[in-house]
Structure formats: C-alpha cells, structure tokens
Amino acid sequence: MSTRIDKRFAALKAEGRAALVTFIMAGDPDYNTSLAIAKALPKAGADIIEMGMPFTDPMADGPAIQAAGLRALKSGQGMTRTLSLVREFREDDDLTPVILMGYYNPIYIYGSERFLTDAKAAGVDGLIVVDLPPEEDEELCLPALKAGLNFIRLATPTTDDKRLPKVLTNTSGFVYYVSVTGVTGTAAPDTSKVTGAVARIKRHTRLPVAVGFGVKTAEQARAIAEGADGVVVGSALVDAMFKSLDKAGKPGTRTVKAVTELVSALAQGVRSARRATAP
C-alpha cells in the first residue's frame, strides 16, 4: 500500500531533488495559529509536514521545542485537538504528507488502538515515536503498519552497522537520520560526515533517507540536500515563530509570515542543490 509519503518521495525522486520536511508543534502558540501555519507551509515550499504531539517531558528535544510543547499544552492542546488540527488541514490539502512526531506517553494515554484508528481517519500518514525502540515494535509499530501508517525510525551517528538492520526492519516511509548527537537544535550538522552516513544507511535499505537536527539556514539545507533524500528543519522554524510573539506570548500579524519566509528560503536552498544523480 502506497502512502502519501511514498508518493511524495517517488515524485521528488523523478524531479531529481530532495524533500523539505518541516516541523511545527501542534497548538503552538495556540490552535488557530498553528493551523494557519500548517496550511501555509506547502505554498511556502514544504514537501512534508511533521506535527509535534505536545508532551511534558520531551527528553530528545532541545530548549526551543521543549518550550513549544509547553506553550501548546498551556493553550489546551492535547491529542484530541492535535488530531482535529490534522483533520482541518486535510479539508484544504489532500496531497501533502503529515507525520505526527513525539513520544509514546500521549498515545498510550489516548489508547493505542483508538489513536491509530483516529489518526488514520484524520489524515495522518506516518508516525515518528522517538522513545519506542525496535524491541517494542509489537506495542505500536506493527499495529501502525497494519493500519496503513508509515512508521519512521531514527538512525543516529552511534547506530552502527550491527544495530542498523534491527532499526530498519519495520521502518517505512523514510529513515530519519539524526545528524548530531544530543538534543534537537543545539548544534550544526557536519555536512561532510552526513553525506558518508547517508551512503552507509543506503547500503542497508532502499528507503529514502532524510537528515535533521541542527539545520537552520538555506545554505545548510542546500549542502545536505546534495547527499540526502530529505532535509528536516524544526527548531529553526519554532524559533522564528517564537520571536514573532509579543511580550505576552501572543501571535501577531507577522507570526505566520515569520515561519513561511524562512521555509521559502530553506526550500530555495534545497531546490538549488546540485545532485550528481536523482536520489
């Protein structure tokens, strides 16, 4: 079964370019603003949208995304509203892939079986659940695949050739390569090392490989797009949104534009990458 994610990467491969994958936190700074940003992302150049599921203890996230999750929770964002946000996004856009990213706890509390049914019905295409290792695949990964959702796994600089096949076993959609050790948004990726890492992962899988963590500028996006199938940007977008808020933390007329202008620049960077061959 081909998902929107599969179709999008196939289309971009035919174009000979990488995907721009953009992350926003659902409900940050409030429901309506995050929906407006999500709806504006594809026009700005985003190929795939990741939406964060707010959680109180996001251990893999740096300060920017941690703060975004807390702002979202404070605004009343929970799993029900996150799925509603996807549903409303789908009213205008049936093509752009949407991935929910976060931690297992909110899914577990909502009820895993109910979550998969409701997520699929809302128009979710894939999941990234950072604290469920391959050893726990029966918990959510296998049921998600059965429900027709891609389950996207993270590989890191410390995922060696012995561990990699285990990580890739039930991965689908794409492989998310975390380009730096540590939490999100705290260090810039070394693009020369990234290219080698992507090549190593590709020796083990035919899936596209997208690279994230630490990408902030169009130049970084261009450099990574030359060797990867996708470039993931999160903390930089969350930061841009945050800086547009007033002293009371409320969005203004510049808030949506602050995000889309950065996405447009990143998209130009991705599209200007010189690729020796199509991904």
C-alpha atoms as a PDB file:
ATOM      1  CA  MET A   1       0.000   0.000   0.000  1.00  0.00           C
ATOM      2  CA  SER A   2       1.430   3.354  -1.110  1.00  0.00           C
ATOM      3  CA  THR A   3       1.050   6.253   1.328  1.00  0.00           C
ATOM      4  CA  ARG A   4       1.241   9.984   0.639  1.00  0.00           C
ATOM      5  CA  ILE A   5       4.812   9.836   1.970  1.00  0.00           C
ATOM      6  CA  ASP A   6       5.786   7.115  -0.504  1.00  0.00           C
ATOM      7  CA  LYS A   7       4.169   9.022  -3.368  1.00  0.00           C
ATOM      8  CA  ARG A   8       5.810  12.316  -2.434  1.00  0.00           C
ATOM      9  CA  PHE A   9       9.326  10.846  -2.283  1.00  0.00           C
ATOM     10  CA  ALA A  10       8.737   8.999  -5.581  1.00  0.00           C
ATOM     11  CA  ALA A  11       7.623  12.252  -7.240  1.00  0.00           C
ATOM     12  CA  LEU A  12      10.636  14.147  -5.894  1.00  0.00           C
ATOM     13  CA  LYS A  13      12.978  11.379  -6.999  1.00  0.00           C
ATOM     14  CA  ALA A  14      11.582  11.802 -10.514  1.00  0.00           C
ATOM     15  CA  GLU A  15      12.260  15.547 -10.219  1.00  0.00           C
ATOM     16  CA  GLY A  16      15.811  14.799  -9.050  1.00  0.00           C
ATOM     17  CA  ARG A  17      15.600  16.761  -5.828  1.00  0.00           C
ATOM     18  CA  ALA A  18      15.360  16.256  -2.087  1.00  0.00           C
ATOM     19  CA  ALA A  19      12.309  16.882   0.105  1.00  0.00           C
ATOM     20  CA  LEU A  20      11.986  19.738   2.562  1.00  0.00           C
ATOM     21  CA  VAL A  21      10.412  18.311   5.714  1.00  0.00           C
ATOM     22  CA  THR A  22       9.160  20.984   8.126  1.00  0.00           C
ATOM     23  CA  PHE A  23       8.333  20.519  11.809  1.00  0.00           C
ATOM     24  CA  ILE A  24       5.862  22.577  13.820  1.00  0.00           C
ATOM     25  CA  MET A  25       4.453  21.914  17.271  1.00  0.00           C
ATOM     26  CA  ALA A  26       0.698  21.323  17.134  1.00  0.00           C
ATOM     27  CA  GLY A  27      -1.055  24.020  19.159  1.00  0.00           C
ATOM     28  CA  ASP A  28       1.930  26.374  19.445  1.00  0.00           C
ATOM     29  CA  PRO A  29       1.331  29.141  20.398  1.00  0.00           C
ATOM     30  CA  ASP A  30      -2.377  28.304  20.028  1.00  0.00           C
ATOM     31  CA  TYR A  31      -4.592  26.058  17.937  1.00  0.00           C
ATOM     32  CA  ASN A  32      -5.664  28.575  15.281  1.00  0.00           C
ATOM     33  CA  THR A  33      -2.175  29.969  14.707  1.00  0.00           C
ATOM     34  CA  SER A  34      -0.596  26.528  14.348  1.00  0.00           C
ATOM     35  CA  LEU A  35      -3.355  25.551  11.894  1.00  0.00           C
ATOM     36  CA  ALA A  36      -2.748  28.727   9.869  1.00  0.00           C
ATOM     37  CA  ILE A  37       0.988  27.976   9.784  1.00  0.00           C
ATOM     38  CA  ALA A  38       0.378  24.350   8.748  1.00  0.00           C
ATOM     39  CA  LYS A  39      -1.925  25.452   5.925  1.00  0.00           C
ATOM     40  CA  ALA A  40       0.666  27.974   4.701  1.00  0.00           C
ATOM     41  CA  LEU A  41       3.643  25.584   4.728  1.00  0.00           C
ATOM     42  CA  PRO A  42       3.057  23.758   1.401  1.00  0.00           C
ATOM     43  CA  LYS A  43       2.700  27.027  -0.538  1.00  0.00           C
ATOM     44  CA  ALA A  44       5.937  28.235   1.071  1.00  0.00           C
ATOM     45  CA  GLY A  45       7.790  25.161  -0.214  1.00  0.00           C
ATOM     46  CA  ALA A  46       7.361  22.426   2.413  1.00  0.00           C
ATOM     47  CA  ASP A  47       7.040  18.957   0.879  1.00  0.00           C
ATOM     48  CA  ILE A  48       6.179  17.064   4.067  1.00  0.00           C
ATOM     49  CA  ILE A  49       4.866  18.350   7.411  1.00  0.00           C
ATOM     50  CA  GLU A  50       5.755  16.937  10.806  1.00  0.00           C
ATOM     51  CA  MET A  51       3.499  17.983  13.665  1.00  0.00           C
ATOM     52  CA  GLY A  52       4.752  17.593  17.201  1.00  0.00           C
ATOM     53  CA  MET A  53       2.471  15.954  19.751  1.00  0.00           C
ATOM     54  CA  PRO A  54       2.947  18.118  22.878  1.00  0.00           C
ATOM     55  CA  PHE A  55       4.350  16.262  25.881  1.00  0.00           C
ATOM     56  CA  THR A  56       5.544  17.395  29.307  1.00  0.00           C
ATOM     57  CA  ASP A  57       8.867  15.516  29.238  1.00  0.00           C
ATOM     58  CA  PRO A  58      10.374  15.621  25.725  1.00  0.00           C
ATOM     59  CA  MET A  59      13.775  14.143  26.535  1.00  0.00           C
ATOM     60  CA  ALA A  60      15.228  14.225  22.989  1.00  0.00           C
ATOM     61  CA  ASP A  61      14.282  17.834  22.344  1.00  0.00           C
ATOM     62  CA  GLY A  62      16.310  20.958  22.904  1.00  0.00           C
ATOM     63  CA  PRO A  63      15.104  24.171  24.580  1.00  0.00           C
ATOM     64  CA  ALA A  64      13.189  25.561  21.569  1.00  0.00           C
ATOM     65  CA  ILE A  65      10.975  22.519  21.011  1.00  0.00           C
ATOM     66  CA  GLN A  66      10.600  21.858  24.745  1.00  0.00           C
ATOM     67  CA  ALA A  67       9.282  25.412  25.155  1.00  0.00           C
ATOM     68  CA  ALA A  68       6.991  24.981  22.142  1.00  0.00           C
ATOM     69  CA  GLY A  69       5.458  21.871  23.676  1.00  0.00           C
ATOM     70  CA  LEU A  70       4.859  23.645  26.963  1.00  0.00           C
ATOM     71  CA  ARG A  71       3.257  26.629  25.200  1.00  0.00           C
ATOM     72  CA  ALA A  72       0.978  24.229  23.311  1.00  0.00           C
ATOM     73  CA  LEU A  73      -0.022  22.365  26.468  1.00  0.00           C
ATOM     74  CA  LYS A  74      -0.713  25.683  28.191  1.00  0.00           C
ATOM     75  CA  SER A  75      -3.000  26.667  25.308  1.00  0.00           C
ATOM     76  CA  GLY A  76      -5.008  23.458  25.873  1.00  0.00           C
ATOM     77  CA  GLN A  77      -3.509  21.298  23.132  1.00  0.00           C
ATOM     78  CA  GLY A  78      -3.924  17.574  23.719  1.00  0.00           C
ATOM     79  CA  MET A  79      -4.154  14.555  21.437  1.00  0.00           C
ATOM     80  CA  THR A  80      -7.805  15.136  20.524  1.00  0.00           C
ATOM     81  CA  ARG A  81      -7.054  18.678  19.374  1.00  0.00           C
ATOM     82  CA  THR A  82      -3.922  17.552  17.533  1.00  0.00           C
ATOM     83  CA  LEU A  83      -5.955  15.072  15.506  1.00  0.00           C
ATOM     84  CA  SER A  84      -8.574  17.795  14.907  1.00  0.00           C
ATOM     85  CA  LEU A  85      -5.801  20.031  13.603  1.00  0.00           C
ATOM     86  CA  VAL A  86      -4.797  17.376  11.048  1.00  0.00           C
ATOM     87  CA  ARG A  87      -8.456  16.923  10.063  1.00  0.00           C
ATOM     88  CA  GLU A  88      -8.873  20.663   9.471  1.00  0.00           C
ATOM     89  CA  PHE A  89      -5.623  20.794   7.494  1.00  0.00           C
ATOM     90  CA  ARG A  90      -6.927  17.979   5.289  1.00  0.00           C
ATOM     91  CA  GLU A  91     -10.041  19.989   4.375  1.00  0.00           C
ATOM     92  CA  ASP A  92      -7.866  22.097   2.041  1.00  0.00           C
ATOM     93  CA  ASP A  93      -4.958  19.755   1.300  1.00  0.00           C
ATOM     94  CA  ASP A  94      -5.269  16.090   0.428  1.00  0.00           C
ATOM     95  CA  LEU A  95      -1.766  15.741  -1.014  1.00  0.00           C
ATOM     96  CA  THR A  96       0.835  16.960   1.499  1.00  0.00           C
ATOM     97  CA  PRO A  97       2.031  14.131   3.776  1.00  0.00           C
ATOM     98  CA  VAL A  98       1.511  14.732   7.512  1.00  0.00           C
ATOM     99  CA  ILE A  99       3.553  12.943  10.171  1.00  0.00           C
ATOM    100  CA  LEU A 100       2.898  13.059  13.899  1.00  0.00           C
ATOM    101  CA  MET A 101       6.127  13.147  15.894  1.00  0.00           C
ATOM    102  CA  GLY A 102       6.708  12.789  19.587  1.00  0.00           C
ATOM    103  CA  TYR A 103       6.657  10.344  22.464  1.00  0.00           C
ATOM    104  CA  TYR A 104       4.632   7.263  23.281  1.00  0.00           C
ATOM    105  CA  ASN A 105       3.084   8.511  26.527  1.00  0.00           C
ATOM    106  CA  PRO A 106       0.357  10.733  24.971  1.00  0.00           C
ATOM    107  CA  ILE A 107      -0.536   7.927  22.536  1.00  0.00           C
ATOM    108  CA  TYR A 108      -0.674   5.347  25.337  1.00  0.00           C
ATOM    109  CA  ILE A 109      -2.921   7.577  27.443  1.00  0.00           C
ATOM    110  CA  TYR A 110      -5.234   8.204  24.475  1.00  0.00           C
ATOM    111  CA  GLY A 111      -5.303   4.458  23.780  1.00  0.00           C
ATOM    112  CA  SER A 112      -3.048   2.996  21.080  1.00  0.00           C
ATOM    113  CA  GLU A 113      -5.756   1.222  19.080  1.00  0.00           C
ATOM    114  CA  ARG A 114      -8.090   4.224  19.250  1.00  0.00           C
ATOM    115  CA  PHE A 115      -5.210   6.529  18.335  1.00  0.00           C
ATOM    116  CA  LEU A 116      -4.314   4.564  15.193  1.00  0.00           C
ATOM    117  CA  THR A 117      -7.955   4.460  14.059  1.00  0.00           C
ATOM    118  CA  ASP A 118      -8.478   8.178  14.692  1.00  0.00           C
ATOM    119  CA  ALA A 119      -5.112   9.236  13.247  1.00  0.00           C
ATOM    120  CA  LYS A 120      -5.753   7.347  10.013  1.00  0.00           C
ATOM    121  CA  ALA A 121      -9.274   8.810   9.769  1.00  0.00           C
ATOM    122  CA  ALA A 122      -7.935  12.335  10.394  1.00  0.00           C
ATOM    123  CA  GLY A 123      -5.465  12.041   7.504  1.00  0.00           C
ATOM    124  CA  VAL A 124      -2.198  11.240   9.272  1.00  0.00           C
ATOM    125  CA  ASP A 125       0.289   9.402   7.040  1.00  0.00           C
ATOM    126  CA  GLY A 126       3.107   8.420   9.379  1.00  0.00           C
ATOM    127  CA  LEU A 127       4.451   8.366  12.915  1.00  0.00           C
ATOM    128  CA  ILE A 128       7.798   9.133  14.500  1.00  0.00           C
ATOM    129  CA  VAL A 129       7.792   7.947  18.108  1.00  0.00           C
ATOM    130  CA  VAL A 130      11.268   8.632  19.415  1.00  0.00           C
ATOM    131  CA  ASP A 131      11.146   6.578  22.621  1.00  0.00           C
ATOM    132  CA  LEU A 132       9.904   3.265  21.176  1.00  0.00           C
ATOM    133  CA  PRO A 133      12.916   1.138  20.126  1.00  0.00           C
ATOM    134  CA  PRO A 134      12.642  -1.746  17.628  1.00  0.00           C
ATOM    135  CA  GLU A 135      12.437  -4.199  20.530  1.00  0.00           C
ATOM    136  CA  GLU A 136       8.991  -2.711  21.280  1.00  0.00           C
ATOM    137  CA  ASP A 137       7.622  -3.000  17.709  1.00  0.00           C
ATOM    138  CA  GLU A 138       4.585  -5.029  18.770  1.00  0.00           C
ATOM    139  CA  GLU A 139       3.497  -2.134  21.004  1.00  0.00           C
ATOM    140  CA  LEU A 140       2.757   0.366  18.230  1.00  0.00           C
ATOM    141  CA  CYS A 141       4.932  -0.062  15.134  1.00  0.00           C
ATOM    142  CA  LEU A 142       3.384  -3.263  13.788  1.00  0.00           C
ATOM    143  CA  PRO A 143      -0.213  -2.179  14.512  1.00  0.00           C
ATOM    144  CA  ALA A 144       0.550   1.180  12.813  1.00  0.00           C
ATOM    145  CA  LEU A 145       1.850  -0.554   9.684  1.00  0.00           C
ATOM    146  CA  LYS A 146      -1.242  -2.777   9.658  1.00  0.00           C
ATOM    147  CA  ALA A 147      -3.409   0.363   9.883  1.00  0.00           C
ATOM    148  CA  GLY A 148      -1.698   1.790   6.782  1.00  0.00           C
ATOM    149  CA  LEU A 149       0.543   4.315   8.527  1.00  0.00           C
ATOM    150  CA  ASN A 150       4.257   4.631   7.903  1.00  0.00           C
ATOM    151  CA  PHE A 151       6.409   4.103  10.984  1.00  0.00           C
ATOM    152  CA  ILE A 152       9.545   6.195  10.575  1.00  0.00           C
ATOM    153  CA  ARG A 153      12.572   5.279  12.634  1.00  0.00           C
ATOM    154  CA  LEU A 154      15.529   7.390  13.713  1.00  0.00           C
ATOM    155  CA  ALA A 155      19.121   6.416  12.989  1.00  0.00           C
ATOM    156  CA  THR A 156      21.943   8.323  14.688  1.00  0.00           C
ATOM    157  CA  PRO A 157      25.736   8.699  14.393  1.00  0.00           C
ATOM    158  CA  THR A 158      26.013   5.961  17.040  1.00  0.00           C
ATOM    159  CA  THR A 159      23.799   3.474  15.131  1.00  0.00           C
ATOM    160  CA  ASP A 160      26.498   1.126  13.848  1.00  0.00           C
ATOM    161  CA  ASP A 161      26.271  -1.478  11.055  1.00  0.00           C
ATOM    162  CA  LYS A 162      25.433  -4.180  13.586  1.00  0.00           C
ATOM    163  CA  ARG A 163      22.465  -2.244  15.017  1.00  0.00           C
ATOM    164  CA  LEU A 164      21.223  -0.673  11.767  1.00  0.00           C
ATOM    165  CA  PRO A 165      19.439  -3.732  10.293  1.00  0.00           C
ATOM    166  CA  LYS A 166      17.421  -4.065  13.515  1.00  0.00           C
ATOM    167  CA  VAL A 167      16.446  -0.381  13.340  1.00  0.00           C
ATOM    168  CA  LEU A 168      15.419  -0.719   9.702  1.00  0.00           C
ATOM    169  CA  THR A 169      13.432  -3.969   9.972  1.00  0.00           C
ATOM    170  CA  ASN A 170       9.935  -2.472  10.238  1.00  0.00           C
ATOM    171  CA  THR A 171      10.764   1.094   9.209  1.00  0.00           C
ATOM    172  CA  SER A 172       8.724   2.521   6.340  1.00  0.00           C
ATOM    173  CA  GLY A 173       8.229   5.837   4.554  1.00  0.00           C
ATOM    174  CA  PHE A 174      11.776   7.037   5.098  1.00  0.00           C
ATOM    175  CA  VAL A 175      14.674   6.793   7.541  1.00  0.00           C
ATOM    176  CA  TYR A 176      15.256   9.889   9.677  1.00  0.00           C
ATOM    177  CA  TYR A 177      18.988  10.346  10.188  1.00  0.00           C
ATOM    178  CA  VAL A 178      19.783  12.434  13.271  1.00  0.00           C
ATOM    179  CA  SER A 179      22.895  14.268  12.113  1.00  0.00           C
ATOM    180  CA  VAL A 180      24.246  15.265  15.523  1.00  0.00           C
ATOM    181  CA  THR A 181      24.475  13.550  18.879  1.00  0.00           C
ATOM    182  CA  GLY A 182      22.452  15.272  21.585  1.00  0.00           C
ATOM    183  CA  VAL A 183      19.113  17.072  21.580  1.00  0.00           C
ATOM    184  CA  THR A 184      17.381  18.983  18.797  1.00  0.00           C
ATOM    185  CA  GLY A 185      18.536  22.395  17.648  1.00  0.00           C
ATOM    186  CA  THR A 186      21.717  22.639  19.701  1.00  0.00           C
ATOM    187  CA  ALA A 187      24.495  22.011  17.155  1.00  0.00           C
ATOM    188  CA  ALA A 188      25.070  22.405  13.426  1.00  0.00           C
ATOM    189  CA  PRO A 189      25.497  19.256  11.330  1.00  0.00           C
ATOM    190  CA  ASP A 190      28.844  18.465   9.706  1.00  0.00           C
ATOM    191  CA  THR A 191      27.705  18.017   6.104  1.00  0.00           C
ATOM    192  CA  SER A 192      30.791  16.044   5.043  1.00  0.00           C
ATOM    193  CA  LYS A 193      30.078  13.458   7.742  1.00  0.00           C
ATOM    194  CA  VAL A 194      26.360  13.471   6.918  1.00  0.00           C
ATOM    195  CA  THR A 195      26.974  12.500   3.282  1.00  0.00           C
ATOM    196  CA  GLY A 196      29.018   9.486   4.350  1.00  0.00           C
ATOM    197  CA  ALA A 197      26.435   8.466   6.945  1.00  0.00           C
ATOM    198  CA  VAL A 198      23.595   8.635   4.407  1.00  0.00           C
ATOM    199  CA  ALA A 199      25.595   6.495   1.989  1.00  0.00           C
ATOM    200  CA  ARG A 200      26.192   3.939   4.762  1.00  0.00           C
ATOM    201  CA  ILE A 201      22.488   3.746   5.635  1.00  0.00           C
ATOM    202  CA  LYS A 202      21.607   3.354   1.949  1.00  0.00           C
ATOM    203  CA  ARG A 203      23.754   0.239   1.771  1.00  0.00           C
ATOM    204  CA  HIS A 204      21.203  -1.316   4.148  1.00  0.00           C
ATOM    205  CA  THR A 205      17.899  -0.004   2.756  1.00  0.00           C
ATOM    206  CA  ARG A 206      16.110   1.257  -0.352  1.00  0.00           C
ATOM    207  CA  LEU A 207      14.114   3.726   1.722  1.00  0.00           C
ATOM    208  CA  PRO A 208      14.741   7.458   1.296  1.00  0.00           C
ATOM    209  CA  VAL A 209      16.984   8.994   3.974  1.00  0.00           C
ATOM    210  CA  ALA A 210      16.079  12.405   5.404  1.00  0.00           C
ATOM    211  CA  VAL A 211      18.514  14.318   7.599  1.00  0.00           C
ATOM    212  CA  GLY A 212      17.571  16.557  10.521  1.00  0.00           C
ATOM    213  CA  PHE A 213      18.665  18.111  13.845  1.00  0.00           C
ATOM    214  CA  GLY A 214      20.515  21.423  13.694  1.00  0.00           C
ATOM    215  CA  VAL A 215      19.581  22.599  10.176  1.00  0.00           C
ATOM    216  CA  LYS A 216      18.890  26.346  10.370  1.00  0.00           C
ATOM    217  CA  THR A 217      19.939  28.032   7.124  1.00  0.00           C
ATOM    218  CA  ALA A 218      19.284  27.724   3.395  1.00  0.00           C
ATOM    219  CA  GLU A 219      22.998  27.041   2.873  1.00  0.00           C
ATOM    220  CA  GLN A 220      22.959  24.103   5.322  1.00  0.00           C
ATOM    221  CA  ALA A 221      19.779  22.810   3.678  1.00  0.00           C
ATOM    222  CA  ARG A 222      21.402  23.009   0.235  1.00  0.00           C
ATOM    223  CA  ALA A 223      24.541  21.188   1.370  1.00  0.00           C
ATOM    224  CA  ILE A 224      22.563  18.360   2.987  1.00  0.00           C
ATOM    225  CA  ALA A 225      20.153  18.086   0.027  1.00  0.00           C
ATOM    226  CA  GLU A 226      23.112  17.291  -2.217  1.00  0.00           C
ATOM    227  CA  GLY A 227      23.606  13.964  -0.453  1.00  0.00           C
ATOM    228  CA  ALA A 228      20.279  13.114   1.198  1.00  0.00           C
ATOM    229  CA  ASP A 229      16.724  12.471   0.032  1.00  0.00           C
ATOM    230  CA  GLY A 230      15.235  14.925   2.513  1.00  0.00           C
ATOM    231  CA  VAL A 231      16.165  17.799   4.814  1.00  0.00           C
ATOM    232  CA  VAL A 232      14.257  18.147   8.105  1.00  0.00           C
ATOM    233  CA  VAL A 233      14.006  21.554   9.801  1.00  0.00           C
ATOM    234  CA  GLY A 234      12.305  22.012  13.161  1.00  0.00           C
ATOM    235  CA  SER A 235      13.922  24.142  15.869  1.00  0.00           C
ATOM    236  CA  ALA A 236      14.695  26.997  13.449  1.00  0.00           C
ATOM    237  CA  LEU A 237      11.017  27.248  12.461  1.00  0.00           C
ATOM    238  CA  VAL A 238       9.852  27.048  16.071  1.00  0.00           C
ATOM    239  CA  ASP A 239      12.355  29.808  16.940  1.00  0.00           C
ATOM    240  CA  ALA A 240      11.152  32.014  14.086  1.00  0.00           C
ATOM    241  CA  MET A 241       7.569  31.638  15.264  1.00  0.00           C
ATOM    242  CA  PHE A 242       8.517  32.328  18.888  1.00  0.00           C
ATOM    243  CA  LYS A 243      10.410  35.522  18.022  1.00  0.00           C
ATOM    244  CA  SER A 244       7.276  36.894  16.325  1.00  0.00           C
ATOM    245  CA  LEU A 245       5.202  36.699  19.526  1.00  0.00           C
ATOM    246  CA  ASP A 246       4.551  39.772  21.655  1.00  0.00           C
ATOM    247  CA  LYS A 247       5.680  40.148  25.271  1.00  0.00           C
ATOM    248  CA  ALA A 248       2.564  38.321  26.444  1.00  0.00           C
ATOM    249  CA  GLY A 249       3.353  35.394  24.145  1.00  0.00           C
ATOM    250  CA  LYS A 250       0.524  36.210  21.747  1.00  0.00           C
ATOM    251  CA  PRO A 251       0.838  35.901  17.959  1.00  0.00           C
ATOM    252  CA  GLY A 252       0.664  38.956  15.723  1.00  0.00           C
ATOM    253  CA  THR A 253       0.306  39.794  12.051  1.00  0.00           C
ATOM    254  CA  ARG A 254       3.914  38.676  11.386  1.00  0.00           C
ATOM    255  CA  THR A 255       3.686  35.257  13.046  1.00  0.00           C
ATOM    256  CA  VAL A 256       2.667  33.065  10.106  1.00  0.00           C
ATOM    257  CA  LYS A 257       4.912  35.048   7.744  1.00  0.00           C
ATOM    258  CA  ALA A 258       7.915  34.656  10.071  1.00  0.00           C
ATOM    259  CA  VAL A 259       7.705  30.891   9.540  1.00  0.00           C
ATOM    260  CA  THR A 260       6.791  30.857   5.840  1.00  0.00           C
ATOM    261  CA  GLU A 261       9.567  33.284   4.876  1.00  0.00           C
ATOM    262  CA  LEU A 262      12.156  31.009   6.458  1.00  0.00           C
ATOM    263  CA  VAL A 263      10.558  27.946   4.822  1.00  0.00           C
ATOM    264  CA  SER A 264      10.716  29.684   1.423  1.00  0.00           C
ATOM    265  CA  ALA A 265      14.424  30.387   1.895  1.00  0.00           C
ATOM    266  CA  LEU A 266      15.088  26.803   3.014  1.00  0.00           C
ATOM    267  CA  ALA A 267      13.080  25.475   0.056  1.00  0.00           C
ATOM    268  CA  GLN A 268      15.200  27.546  -2.335  1.00  0.00           C
ATOM    269  CA  GLY A 269      18.293  26.089  -0.703  1.00  0.00           C
ATOM    270  CA  VAL A 270      17.017  22.522  -1.124  1.00  0.00           C
ATOM    271  CA  ARG A 271      15.972  23.134  -4.721  1.00  0.00           C
ATOM    272  CA  SER A 272      19.347  24.682  -5.649  1.00  0.00           C
ATOM    273  CA  ALA A 273      21.310  21.613  -4.509  1.00  0.00           C
ATOM    274  CA  ARG A 274      23.478  20.041  -7.183  1.00  0.00           C
ATOM    275  CA  ARG A 275      22.802  16.338  -7.195  1.00  0.00           C
ATOM    276  CA  ALA A 276      25.044  14.012  -9.179  1.00  0.00           C
ATOM    277  CA  THR A 277      22.139  11.597  -9.610  1.00  0.00           C
ATOM    278  CA  ALA A 278      18.494  11.573  -8.593  1.00  0.00           C
ATOM    279  CA  PRO A 279      18.062  10.277  -5.027  1.00  0.00           C
END
